[in-house]
Amino acid sequence: MTSFNDSVIEYKKQLGKGNIQIAYRGLMDYMLELRNFFKNKYPEFSVPGTLYQGYMDMTYFALFPDDLKNKKLKIAVVFLHNEIKFDIWLSGINKQIQLST
């Protein structure tokens, strides 16, 4: 297992190459554009202004269609960094709702 110190040294090396910053910035910009697309294309959805950027594991934003919102549910559009793929999750609107189902 790699030590935290070794991981930080590797992190610094990778950041020094500049590709991680370019890719991460591009992904965050794309997620914001996708969020804005849903907000503009589907005004009947409540689309909060927040984008959860995560810890380079996942990034997501939520959509609240009225019929799901009334059931205390939301849709999360999730980008999984390790897999470089998108997922769509159905979730409770908060931890309390998630734990009660």
C-alpha atoms as a PDB file:
ATOM      1  CA  MET A   1       0.000   0.000   0.000  1.00  0.00           C
ATOM      2  CA  THR A   2       1.289   3.438  -0.930  1.00  0.00           C
ATOM      3  CA  SER A   3       1.848   5.870   1.936  1.00  0.00           C
ATOM      4  CA  PHE A   4       0.054   9.197   2.059  1.00  0.00           C
ATOM      5  CA  ASN A   5       3.385  11.007   1.647  1.00  0.00           C
ATOM      6  CA  ASP A   6       4.230   8.979  -1.479  1.00  0.00           C
ATOM      7  CA  SER A   7       0.769   9.674  -2.852  1.00  0.00           C
ATOM      8  CA  VAL A   8       1.186  13.423  -2.337  1.00  0.00           C
ATOM      9  CA  ILE A   9       4.565  13.320  -4.103  1.00  0.00           C
ATOM     10  CA  GLU A  10       2.964  11.511  -7.056  1.00  0.00           C
ATOM     11  CA  TYR A  11       0.039  13.943  -7.027  1.00  0.00           C
ATOM     12  CA  LYS A  12       2.445  16.867  -7.256  1.00  0.00           C
ATOM     13  CA  LYS A  13       4.299  15.207 -10.157  1.00  0.00           C
ATOM     14  CA  GLN A  14       1.069  14.619 -12.058  1.00  0.00           C
ATOM     15  CA  LEU A  15      -0.142  18.167 -11.433  1.00  0.00           C
ATOM     16  CA  GLY A  16       3.199  19.444 -12.703  1.00  0.00           C
ATOM     17  CA  LYS A  17       2.453  17.899 -16.094  1.00  0.00           C
ATOM     18  CA  GLY A  18      -0.669  20.076 -16.415  1.00  0.00           C
ATOM     19  CA  ASN A  19      -2.985  17.466 -17.954  1.00  0.00           C
ATOM     20  CA  ILE A  20      -4.986  16.807 -14.811  1.00  0.00           C
ATOM     21  CA  GLN A  21      -5.926  20.472 -14.428  1.00  0.00           C
ATOM     22  CA  ILE A  22      -6.965  20.714 -18.081  1.00  0.00           C
ATOM     23  CA  ALA A  23      -9.058  17.544 -17.925  1.00  0.00           C
ATOM     24  CA  TYR A  24     -10.648  18.417 -14.582  1.00  0.00           C
ATOM     25  CA  ARG A  25     -11.519  21.944 -15.679  1.00  0.00           C
ATOM     26  CA  GLY A  26     -13.009  20.602 -18.910  1.00  0.00           C
ATOM     27  CA  LEU A  27     -15.094  18.046 -17.033  1.00  0.00           C
ATOM     28  CA  MET A  28     -16.384  20.642 -14.557  1.00  0.00           C
ATOM     29  CA  ASP A  29     -17.247  23.025 -17.411  1.00  0.00           C
ATOM     30  CA  TYR A  30     -19.081  20.209 -19.215  1.00  0.00           C
ATOM     31  CA  MET A  31     -21.050  19.303 -16.079  1.00  0.00           C
ATOM     32  CA  LEU A  32     -22.073  22.943 -15.622  1.00  0.00           C
ATOM     33  CA  GLU A  33     -23.134  23.152 -19.279  1.00  0.00           C
ATOM     34  CA  LEU A  34     -25.130  19.931 -18.913  1.00  0.00           C
ATOM     35  CA  ARG A  35     -26.797  21.279 -15.776  1.00  0.00           C
ATOM     36  CA  ASN A  36     -27.684  24.494 -17.603  1.00  0.00           C
ATOM     37  CA  PHE A  37     -29.032  22.461 -20.542  1.00  0.00           C
ATOM     38  CA  PHE A  38     -31.491  20.670 -18.243  1.00  0.00           C
ATOM     39  CA  LYS A  39     -32.411  23.919 -16.525  1.00  0.00           C
ATOM     40  CA  ASN A  40     -33.168  25.661 -19.842  1.00  0.00           C
ATOM     41  CA  LYS A  41     -34.646  22.725 -21.789  1.00  0.00           C
ATOM     42  CA  TYR A  42     -36.865  21.461 -18.956  1.00  0.00           C
ATOM     43  CA  PRO A  43     -38.108  24.481 -16.987  1.00  0.00           C
ATOM     44  CA  GLU A  44     -40.608  22.225 -15.211  1.00  0.00           C
ATOM     45  CA  PHE A  45     -37.648  20.606 -13.386  1.00  0.00           C
ATOM     46  CA  SER A  46     -36.241  22.303 -10.354  1.00  0.00           C
ATOM     47  CA  VAL A  47     -32.471  22.456 -10.921  1.00  0.00           C
ATOM     48  CA  PRO A  48     -30.523  23.766  -7.933  1.00  0.00           C
ATOM     49  CA  GLY A  49     -27.552  26.017  -8.569  1.00  0.00           C
ATOM     50  CA  THR A  50     -25.073  23.662  -6.949  1.00  0.00           C
ATOM     51  CA  LEU A  51     -22.642  21.287  -8.590  1.00  0.00           C
ATOM     52  CA  TYR A  52     -21.082  18.805  -6.177  1.00  0.00           C
ATOM     53  CA  GLN A  53     -17.500  18.455  -7.372  1.00  0.00           C
ATOM     54  CA  GLY A  54     -16.555  15.658  -4.989  1.00  0.00           C
ATOM     55  CA  TYR A  55     -13.083  14.378  -4.213  1.00  0.00           C
ATOM     56  CA  MET A  56     -12.190  13.453  -7.779  1.00  0.00           C
ATOM     57  CA  ASP A  57     -14.341  10.355  -7.298  1.00  0.00           C
ATOM     58  CA  MET A  58     -17.666  11.678  -8.519  1.00  0.00           C
ATOM     59  CA  THR A  59     -19.247  14.934  -9.590  1.00  0.00           C
ATOM     60  CA  TYR A  60     -23.006  15.398  -9.767  1.00  0.00           C
ATOM     61  CA  PHE A  61     -25.950  17.732  -9.915  1.00  0.00           C
ATOM     62  CA  ALA A  62     -29.571  17.081  -9.016  1.00  0.00           C
ATOM     63  CA  LEU A  63     -32.815  17.397 -10.938  1.00  0.00           C
ATOM     64  CA  PHE A  64     -36.181  17.617  -9.202  1.00  0.00           C
ATOM     65  CA  PRO A  65     -39.086  16.775 -11.523  1.00  0.00           C
ATOM     66  CA  ASP A  66     -42.360  17.741  -9.799  1.00  0.00           C
ATOM     67  CA  ASP A  67     -43.734  14.189  -9.686  1.00  0.00           C
ATOM     68  CA  LEU A  68     -40.572  12.924  -7.958  1.00  0.00           C
ATOM     69  CA  LYS A  69     -40.171  15.994  -5.762  1.00  0.00           C
ATOM     70  CA  ASN A  70     -43.651  15.363  -4.345  1.00  0.00           C
ATOM     71  CA  LYS A  71     -42.395  11.890  -3.345  1.00  0.00           C
ATOM     72  CA  LYS A  72     -39.225  13.396  -1.812  1.00  0.00           C
ATOM     73  CA  LEU A  73     -37.058  11.929  -4.553  1.00  0.00           C
ATOM     74  CA  LYS A  74     -34.517  13.416  -6.941  1.00  0.00           C
ATOM     75  CA  ILE A  75     -32.529  12.406  -9.980  1.00  0.00           C
ATOM     76  CA  ALA A  76     -28.761  12.784  -9.773  1.00  0.00           C
ATOM     77  CA  VAL A  77     -26.705  13.112 -12.960  1.00  0.00           C
ATOM     78  CA  VAL A  78     -23.378  11.658 -11.843  1.00  0.00           C
ATOM     79  CA  PHE A  79     -19.956  11.593 -13.483  1.00  0.00           C
ATOM     80  CA  LEU A  80     -17.757   8.815 -12.079  1.00  0.00           C
ATOM     81  CA  HIS A  81     -14.136   9.892 -12.457  1.00  0.00           C
ATOM     82  CA  ASN A  82     -12.447   6.487 -12.064  1.00  0.00           C
ATOM     83  CA  GLU A  83     -14.636   4.938 -14.735  1.00  0.00           C
ATOM     84  CA  ILE A  84     -14.962   8.052 -16.947  1.00  0.00           C
ATOM     85  CA  LYS A  85     -18.692   7.448 -17.308  1.00  0.00           C
ATOM     86  CA  PHE A  86     -22.040   8.988 -16.486  1.00  0.00           C
ATOM     87  CA  ASP A  87     -24.680   7.406 -14.277  1.00  0.00           C
ATOM     88  CA  ILE A  88     -28.213   8.474 -13.473  1.00  0.00           C
ATOM     89  CA  TRP A  89     -29.265   7.803  -9.888  1.00  0.00           C
ATOM     90  CA  LEU A  90     -32.668   7.977  -8.251  1.00  0.00           C
ATOM     91  CA  SER A  91     -32.251   9.101  -4.651  1.00  0.00           C
ATOM     92  CA  GLY A  92     -34.039  10.525  -1.654  1.00  0.00           C
ATOM     93  CA  ILE A  93     -33.841  14.297  -1.358  1.00  0.00           C
ATOM     94  CA  ASN A  94     -31.806  14.096   1.868  1.00  0.00           C
ATOM     95  CA  LYS A  95     -30.065  11.590   4.145  1.00  0.00           C
ATOM     96  CA  GLN A  96     -33.120  11.168   6.362  1.00  0.00           C
ATOM     97  CA  ILE A  97     -35.300  10.158   3.389  1.00  0.00           C
ATOM     98  CA  GLN A  98     -32.544   7.919   1.998  1.00  0.00           C
ATOM     99  CA  LEU A  99     -32.271   6.053   5.310  1.00  0.00           C
ATOM    100  CA  SER A 100     -36.041   5.628   5.696  1.00  0.00           C
ATOM    101  CA  THR A 101     -36.555   3.661   2.469  1.00  0.00           C
END
